[in-house]
Protein backbone atom coordinates (compact mmCIF):
# COMPACT_ATOMS: atom_id res chain seq x y z
CA MET A 1 0.14 -0.07 0.01
CA ARG A 2 2.98 2.21 0.75
CA ALA A 3 3.98 1.80 -3.35
CA ARG A 4 1.08 3.27 -3.91
CA LEU A 5 0.65 6.06 -1.86
CA GLY A 6 3.59 7.66 -3.22
CA ALA A 7 1.87 6.87 -6.86
CA VAL A 8 -0.73 9.03 -5.07
CA VAL A 9 2.40 11.91 -3.98
CA LEU A 10 3.47 11.84 -7.40
CA ILE A 11 -0.05 12.30 -9.38
CA PHE A 12 -0.36 15.77 -7.37
CA SER A 13 2.78 17.01 -7.51
CA PRO A 14 2.36 20.65 -7.42
CA PHE A 15 3.33 21.88 -10.44
CA VAL A 16 0.98 25.08 -9.94
CA CYS A 17 0.54 28.79 -10.71
CA ALA A 18 -1.14 31.15 -13.67
CA GLN A 19 -0.90 34.39 -15.25
CA SER A 20 -3.41 36.85 -13.48
CA PRO A 21 -6.13 36.11 -11.54
CA PRO A 22 -9.13 35.66 -13.70
CA ASP A 23 -12.29 33.48 -12.72
CA ALA A 24 -10.87 30.46 -10.42
CA LEU A 25 -10.90 27.54 -13.10
CA GLU A 26 -8.97 29.96 -15.07
CA LEU A 27 -6.60 30.26 -12.83
CA LEU A 28 -6.07 26.50 -11.51
CA ASN A 29 -6.14 25.37 -14.85
CA GLU A 30 -3.10 27.69 -16.05
CA SER A 31 -1.50 26.93 -13.33
CA ARG A 32 -0.48 23.38 -13.99
CA ASN A 33 2.43 24.81 -16.25
CA ALA A 34 3.76 27.48 -14.55
CA LEU A 35 7.45 26.16 -13.78
CA ARG A 36 7.83 25.30 -16.94
CA ALA A 37 8.04 29.37 -17.96
CA PHE A 38 11.03 29.93 -15.47
CA GLN A 39 14.39 29.55 -16.73
CA SER A 40 15.16 27.91 -13.71
CA TYR A 41 14.22 27.67 -10.27
CA ILE A 42 15.02 25.50 -7.28
CA VAL A 43 11.69 24.83 -4.89
CA ASN A 44 11.61 22.80 -1.74
CA GLN A 45 8.32 21.29 -0.70
CA GLN A 46 6.92 19.12 2.47
CA VAL A 47 4.44 16.18 1.72
CA VAL A 48 2.46 14.56 3.86
CA VAL A 49 0.41 12.19 2.99
CA GLU A 50 -2.80 10.19 5.68
CA THR A 51 -5.15 7.73 5.08
CA LYS A 52 -7.88 6.80 7.75
CA ASN A 53 -11.34 4.41 8.61
CA ARG A 54 -9.21 0.90 8.18
CA LEU A 55 -6.21 1.43 6.66
CA GLN A 56 -4.47 4.19 8.86
CA GLY A 57 -0.92 5.53 7.91
CA ARG A 58 0.63 8.37 7.59
CA LEU A 59 3.54 9.49 5.04
CA GLU A 60 6.21 12.38 5.22
CA MET A 61 8.73 13.04 2.50
CA PRO A 62 10.37 16.29 1.52
CA VAL A 63 10.39 16.92 -2.13
CA LYS A 64 13.25 19.12 -3.41
CA LEU A 65 12.87 20.19 -7.40
CA ALA A 66 15.51 21.76 -9.70
CA ALA A 67 16.13 22.47 -13.04
CA SER A 68 17.68 25.40 -15.38
CA ASN A 69 16.57 24.76 -19.00
CA PRO A 70 16.62 23.73 -21.15
CA GLY A 71 16.89 20.12 -20.32
CA LYS A 72 18.98 20.41 -16.90
CA VAL A 73 16.76 18.99 -13.94
CA ARG A 74 16.99 16.83 -10.05
CA ILE A 75 14.31 15.97 -8.10
CA GLU A 76 14.96 14.09 -5.17
CA SER A 77 12.74 13.14 -2.32
CA SER A 78 13.17 10.84 1.05
CA GLY A 79 11.25 9.40 3.85
CA GLN A 80 9.31 6.58 4.98
CA LEU A 81 9.25 4.44 1.24
CA GLY A 82 12.85 5.00 0.73
CA SER A 83 15.23 7.79 -0.95
CA THR A 84 14.62 8.93 -4.64
CA LEU A 85 17.05 10.55 -6.92
CA MET A 86 16.55 12.13 -10.55
CA VAL A 87 19.25 14.01 -12.13
CA SER A 88 19.02 14.91 -15.79
CA ASP A 89 22.16 16.80 -17.35
CA GLY A 90 20.67 17.43 -21.41
CA ARG A 91 22.37 14.54 -22.15
CA ASN A 92 21.92 11.43 -19.52
CA THR A 93 19.58 10.78 -17.45
CA TRP A 94 19.89 8.67 -14.19
CA VAL A 95 17.60 7.70 -11.76
CA TYR A 96 18.49 6.27 -8.23
CA LEU A 97 16.12 4.15 -6.58
CA GLY A 98 17.84 4.06 -2.37
CA ARG A 99 15.87 1.23 -1.30
CA VAL A 100 17.50 -1.44 -3.43
CA ASN A 101 20.61 0.92 -3.35
CA GLN A 102 20.77 0.79 -7.22
CA TYR A 103 20.30 3.09 -9.82
CA THR A 104 19.61 3.19 -14.09
CA LYS A 105 21.43 5.59 -16.37
CA THR A 106 20.50 6.08 -20.08
CA ALA A 107 21.63 8.24 -23.15
CA ALA A 108 18.46 10.76 -23.20
CA ALA A 109 17.53 13.88 -21.59
CA SER A 110 14.04 14.85 -19.88
CA SER A 111 11.63 17.35 -18.54
CA PRO A 112 10.69 18.03 -14.68
CA ASP A 113 7.20 16.58 -15.93
CA ALA A 114 9.00 13.18 -17.42
CA LEU A 115 11.02 12.45 -15.00
CA LEU A 116 7.87 12.49 -12.41
CA ALA A 117 6.27 10.48 -14.64
CA SER A 118 8.88 8.02 -15.03
CA LEU A 119 8.77 7.22 -11.50
CA ASN A 120 6.39 4.32 -12.14
CA THR A 121 5.11 3.11 -15.85
CA GLY A 122 1.65 2.71 -14.72
CA ILE A 123 1.96 6.41 -14.62
CA GLY A 124 4.13 6.73 -17.23
CA GLN A 125 1.88 5.53 -19.50
CA ARG A 126 -1.49 6.79 -17.88
CA LEU A 127 -0.80 10.28 -16.44
CA GLU A 128 -4.52 11.19 -17.07
CA LEU A 129 -5.36 13.24 -13.17
CA ALA A 130 -9.43 12.41 -14.38
CA GLU A 131 -11.24 10.61 -17.09
CA ASN A 132 -11.32 14.51 -18.84
CA LYS A 133 -8.66 16.40 -18.90
CA ASP A 134 -9.76 18.99 -16.51
CA PRO A 135 -9.40 17.68 -12.88
CA TYR A 136 -11.85 20.50 -11.57
CA ALA A 137 -15.45 20.09 -11.42
CA SER A 138 -15.41 23.73 -10.02
CA ALA A 139 -14.14 26.09 -8.52
CA LYS A 140 -13.98 29.86 -6.30
CA ILE A 141 -11.89 32.16 -5.40
CA SER A 142 -12.72 32.35 -1.81
CA GLY A 143 -10.53 35.03 -0.27
CA GLU A 144 -6.85 36.43 0.03
CA GLU A 145 -4.24 35.29 2.99
CA ALA A 146 -0.51 36.08 2.99
CA VAL A 147 1.84 32.44 4.00
CA GLN A 148 4.48 32.02 5.83
CA VAL A 149 7.95 31.00 3.58
CA GLU A 150 11.42 30.93 5.07
CA GLY A 151 9.47 33.73 7.57
CA LYS A 152 8.31 35.69 5.53
CA PRO A 153 4.53 36.51 4.14
CA VAL A 154 3.81 35.63 0.88
CA ASP A 155 0.75 37.00 -0.56
CA CYS A 156 -1.71 34.62 -2.05
CA TYR A 157 -5.14 33.98 -3.46
CA VAL A 158 -7.06 31.00 -2.16
CA VAL A 159 -8.60 28.80 -4.37
CA GLU A 160 -11.02 26.62 -3.16
CA ALA A 161 -11.98 23.57 -5.48
CA ALA A 162 -14.63 20.37 -5.96
CA LEU A 163 -12.36 17.69 -7.83
CA ASN A 164 -13.73 15.28 -10.55
CA LYS A 165 -13.53 11.50 -10.04
CA ILE A 166 -9.81 10.85 -10.97
CA THR A 167 -8.06 7.23 -11.58
CA ILE A 168 -4.98 6.08 -10.29
CA PRO A 169 -2.10 2.85 -10.98
CA GLY A 170 -3.93 -0.03 -9.59
CA GLY A 171 -7.36 0.11 -10.58
CA MET A 172 -8.43 2.10 -7.68
CA THR A 173 -9.93 5.53 -7.99
CA LEU A 174 -10.09 9.07 -6.04
CA THR A 175 -13.58 10.67 -5.47
CA ASP A 176 -15.54 13.21 -3.09
CA GLY A 177 -11.98 15.24 -4.03
CA GLN A 178 -12.08 18.92 -2.58
CA GLN A 179 -9.14 20.88 -2.91
CA LYS A 180 -8.08 24.10 -1.68
CA VAL A 181 -4.68 25.90 -3.22
CA TRP A 182 -3.00 29.38 -2.00
CA ILE A 183 -1.51 30.70 -5.42
CA ASP A 184 1.43 33.38 -4.60
CA LYS A 185 0.12 36.69 -6.69
CA LYS A 186 3.42 37.19 -8.02
CA THR A 187 5.28 34.06 -9.19
CA LYS A 188 2.33 32.06 -9.35
CA LEU A 189 3.20 28.93 -7.03
CA ALA A 190 0.98 26.77 -5.13
CA VAL A 191 3.14 27.61 -2.19
CA LYS A 192 0.69 25.71 -0.54
CA MET A 193 -2.02 22.30 -0.97
CA ALA A 194 -4.74 20.73 0.76
CA THR A 195 -6.68 17.63 -0.85
CA ASP A 196 -8.90 15.36 0.58
CA SER A 197 -10.86 12.44 -1.27
CA VAL A 198 -12.19 8.90 -0.78
CA MET A 199 -9.99 6.07 -2.19
CA SER A 200 -11.53 3.04 -3.58
CA GLY A 201 -11.61 0.17 -5.59
CA GLY A 202 -8.54 -2.17 -6.75
CA PRO A 203 -7.20 -4.10 -3.56
CA LEU A 204 -8.87 -2.21 -0.95
CA ALA A 205 -11.36 -3.89 0.52
CA ALA A 206 -13.44 -0.29 1.60
CA PRO A 207 -13.07 3.32 1.02
CA ILE A 208 -10.63 4.64 2.59
CA GLU A 209 -10.82 8.75 3.44
CA THR A 210 -7.50 10.07 2.33
CA SER A 211 -5.76 13.68 3.13
CA GLN A 212 -2.80 15.53 1.47
CA ARG A 213 -1.28 18.58 2.39
CA VAL A 214 1.94 20.17 0.50
CA GLU A 215 3.58 23.20 1.59
CA ILE A 216 6.62 25.30 -0.36
CA THR A 217 8.89 25.40 2.59
CA SER A 218 11.57 27.45 0.22
CA PHE A 219 11.98 28.68 -3.80
CA GLN A 220 13.67 30.64 -6.20
CA VAL A 221 13.29 31.51 -9.80
CA ASN A 222 15.13 32.55 -12.54
CA GLN A 223 17.68 32.73 -10.68
CA PRO A 224 21.52 30.99 -11.11
CA VAL A 225 21.36 27.29 -10.08
CA PRO A 226 24.60 25.71 -9.57
CA ASP A 227 25.96 22.86 -11.86
CA SER A 228 26.63 20.60 -9.54
CA LEU A 229 23.01 19.50 -8.72
CA PHE A 230 22.80 18.07 -12.30
CA VAL A 231 26.23 15.89 -12.00
CA PHE A 232 25.19 12.78 -10.00
CA THR A 233 27.35 10.80 -8.61
CA PRO A 234 26.41 7.40 -7.31
CA PRO A 235 25.76 6.47 -3.50
CA ALA A 236 28.55 4.30 -1.73
CA GLY A 237 28.28 0.62 -2.82
CA ALA A 238 24.95 2.02 -5.93
CA ARG A 239 24.91 -1.09 -8.59
CA GLU A 240 23.81 0.61 -11.93
CA VAL A 241 21.15 -1.89 -13.44
CA ALA A 242 19.78 -1.85 -16.87
CA GLU A 243 16.38 -1.89 -15.16
CA PHE A 244 14.57 -1.88 -11.80
CA ALA A 245 12.51 -5.07 -10.86
CA GLY A 246 9.36 -4.73 -9.76
CA PRO A 247 6.59 -2.47 -10.56
CA VAL A 248 9.14 0.87 -10.30
CA LYS A 249 10.79 1.99 -14.09
CA SER A 250 13.02 4.11 -14.80
CA ALA A 251 11.06 4.06 -18.34
CA ALA A 252 8.09 2.42 -20.51
CA ASP A 253 9.00 -0.61 -22.63
CA LEU A 254 6.11 -0.55 -25.67
CA THR A 255 7.23 -3.88 -27.20
CA GLY A 256 4.76 -5.86 -29.26
CA LYS A 257 1.78 -3.69 -28.61
CA VAL A 258 -0.55 -2.05 -30.52
CA ALA A 259 0.66 0.84 -32.14
CA GLU A 260 -1.69 3.95 -31.59
CA ASP A 261 -2.66 6.27 -34.22
CA PHE A 262 -1.30 9.45 -34.83
CA THR A 263 -1.04 12.26 -37.26
CA THR A 264 2.33 14.57 -36.51
CA LYS A 265 4.30 16.89 -38.41
CA ALA A 266 7.20 15.09 -39.86
CA ALA A 267 10.73 17.11 -40.12
CA ASP A 268 9.93 18.19 -43.35
CA GLY A 269 6.88 19.64 -42.26
CA ARG A 270 4.84 17.07 -44.20
CA GLN A 271 2.12 15.91 -41.72
CA ILE A 272 2.10 12.36 -41.43
CA SER A 273 -0.87 9.88 -40.02
CA LEU A 274 0.28 6.43 -38.84
CA HIS A 275 -3.14 4.95 -40.80
CA ASP A 276 -1.42 6.17 -43.99
CA LEU A 277 1.50 4.12 -43.56
CA ARG A 278 -0.27 0.32 -42.65
CA GLY A 279 1.20 -2.01 -44.68
CA LYS A 280 4.66 -0.14 -44.33
CA VAL A 281 7.42 0.12 -41.69
CA ALA A 282 7.84 3.02 -39.81
CA LEU A 283 10.46 4.22 -37.46
CA VAL A 284 9.56 7.28 -35.25
CA TYR A 285 11.83 9.52 -33.49
CA PHE A 286 10.52 11.54 -30.70
CA LEU A 287 12.88 14.25 -29.70
CA THR A 288 13.23 17.46 -28.45
CA SER A 289 14.90 21.26 -29.48
CA TRP A 290 16.64 20.89 -26.39
CA CYS A 291 17.96 17.15 -26.30
CA LEU A 292 22.04 16.80 -27.11
CA PRO A 293 21.43 13.06 -27.79
CA CYS A 294 19.27 13.40 -30.05
CA LYS A 295 21.82 15.97 -32.37
CA ASP A 296 23.51 12.63 -31.72
CA ASP A 297 21.48 10.34 -33.56
CA GLN A 298 20.85 12.88 -36.22
CA PRO A 299 23.57 11.32 -38.85
CA VAL A 300 22.41 7.73 -38.33
CA LEU A 301 19.27 9.11 -39.02
CA ASP A 302 19.67 10.76 -42.18
CA LYS A 303 21.40 7.12 -42.93
CA LEU A 304 18.83 4.98 -42.73
CA ARG A 305 16.81 7.28 -45.28
CA ARG A 306 19.90 7.06 -47.37
CA GLU A 307 20.09 3.43 -47.23
CA PHE A 308 16.23 2.10 -47.08
CA GLY A 309 14.56 4.69 -49.20
CA GLY A 310 10.79 3.93 -49.51
CA ASP A 311 11.35 0.68 -47.55
CA LEU A 312 11.36 2.60 -44.33
CA THR A 313 9.46 5.76 -43.25
CA VAL A 314 11.29 7.54 -41.04
CA ILE A 315 9.68 10.20 -38.53
CA SER A 316 11.31 12.71 -36.94
CA THR A 317 8.72 14.34 -34.62
CA ASP A 318 8.43 16.96 -31.60
CA ALA A 319 5.10 15.67 -30.89
CA GLY A 320 2.51 16.88 -29.15
CA ALA A 321 1.05 16.32 -25.87
CA GLU A 322 -1.22 13.16 -26.61
CA MET A 323 1.01 11.41 -28.71
CA LEU A 324 3.48 11.50 -26.24
CA LYS A 325 1.45 10.01 -23.56
CA ASN A 326 0.27 7.26 -26.10
CA TYR A 327 4.02 6.35 -26.78
CA GLY A 328 5.04 6.52 -23.06
CA VAL A 329 7.78 9.15 -24.06
CA THR A 330 9.49 10.23 -20.94
CA ALA A 331 13.07 11.05 -22.21
CA TYR A 332 14.22 12.12 -24.94
CA PRO A 333 15.37 10.44 -27.35
CA THR A 334 12.59 7.73 -27.90
CA VAL A 335 12.89 5.54 -30.86
CA VAL A 336 9.90 3.16 -31.83
CA LEU A 337 10.24 0.81 -34.67
CA ILE A 338 6.15 -0.07 -35.74
CA ASP A 339 5.84 -3.18 -38.21
CA ARG A 340 3.31 -3.02 -40.98
CA GLU A 341 0.74 -4.50 -39.54
CA GLY A 342 1.06 -1.50 -36.74
CA THR A 343 2.67 -3.53 -33.85
CA ILE A 344 5.57 -2.07 -31.95
CA VAL A 345 8.47 -4.34 -32.80
CA PHE A 346 11.00 -2.02 -30.93
CA TYR A 347 11.24 0.33 -28.54
CA HIS A 348 14.64 2.33 -27.35
CA VAL A 349 14.88 5.07 -24.59
CA GLY A 350 17.98 7.00 -25.00
CA ALA A 351 20.59 7.40 -28.28
CA GLY A 352 23.06 5.37 -29.50
CA SER A 353 20.78 2.21 -30.69
CA GLU A 354 21.79 2.20 -34.29
CA LYS A 355 22.38 -1.64 -34.07
CA LEU A 356 19.52 -3.13 -32.14
CA LEU A 357 17.74 -0.75 -34.95
CA ARG A 358 18.93 -2.58 -37.79
CA ASP A 359 18.53 -6.09 -35.53
CA SER A 360 15.00 -5.09 -35.68
CA LEU A 361 14.93 -3.74 -39.18
CA ALA A 362 16.48 -7.28 -40.38
CA LYS A 363 14.15 -9.17 -38.28
CA LEU A 364 11.40 -7.66 -40.75
CA GLY A 365 13.03 -8.04 -44.20
CA LEU A 366 14.85 -5.37 -43.93
CA SER A 367 18.90 -5.17 -44.65
CA SER A 368 21.26 -2.91 -45.79
CA THR A 369 24.75 -2.95 -46.15
CA PRO A 370 26.10 0.59 -45.23
CA LYS A 371 28.37 1.67 -47.91
CA ALA A 372 31.92 2.46 -47.38
CA PRO A 373 32.41 6.14 -47.08
CA PRO A 374 34.52 7.04 -50.38
CA ARG A 375 38.61 7.42 -49.80
């Protein structure tokens, strides 16, 4: 049950702010993207999750988030569930789990949202706060209040909201959700948040009441962040593994699954859809402008295009949120090979996948001997 409580914490992790105070729902919805607007930030939070009724428990964990855009991210937490550290320096991403003293390393870059999603495969593939995209059923600005942060008053709008039903991994749901958020007028950060709901379904024999309290204890935005925060040094005795055992995964793996249909813009500007490619082999390469490993892979993609011509459709895309969610993309690059019947036959996170990719192409009947460069 403790692992599931950790998942609940991640779902509600408060990247909350807004542009200006229009109506309450607009304020809340805009607030979810606020940290992305800052060039850099360091935010320290204290998270407390409690359960009542038949299953009583209390989970406390400090969480630190730091970012220096583009591509440098650090997220660390500790508590009863053990310590967790996730670091991306713009070229590589490391995920460390203290309870097993193991870490993974991929030649890929991640964003803060992607790192949080990657901590749990269920969240990474199904990160939807509600059945519809808006988790709020209703909201109102109930007043204004000063909240103390590092001994200084922070002027806030107070927003009270009712939540729609929220689905979480394990077949469980959160209902009867009520949320109260204190949003800093200046930075639009949610410096304090209280959420109460009822959790039911899945392995639970009976519904239980849950409450979560999140408070920012310190923060700075758009100020220099030391590069040392984005250097990963393995703790004493830590062992590198290709993947963690158990439910916690550093990345999704959709190999063998039917590929979701999509329409996206290819690198040459053309609109292209998977439906139009049925009967052909497609290589979808997820990238983003600040991804250094993606630049390393570009010559490989160009070479594959030349070698295989019309036998292989190569799509390089900085995809939208829906396509990223459907393909479990939590780091860049993510490489997906789809066969003629629409099944994913190769799924790889990180750069440097040429040999493995060629092996998969050969199994599909596509093989080519690279031409030696002219002397």
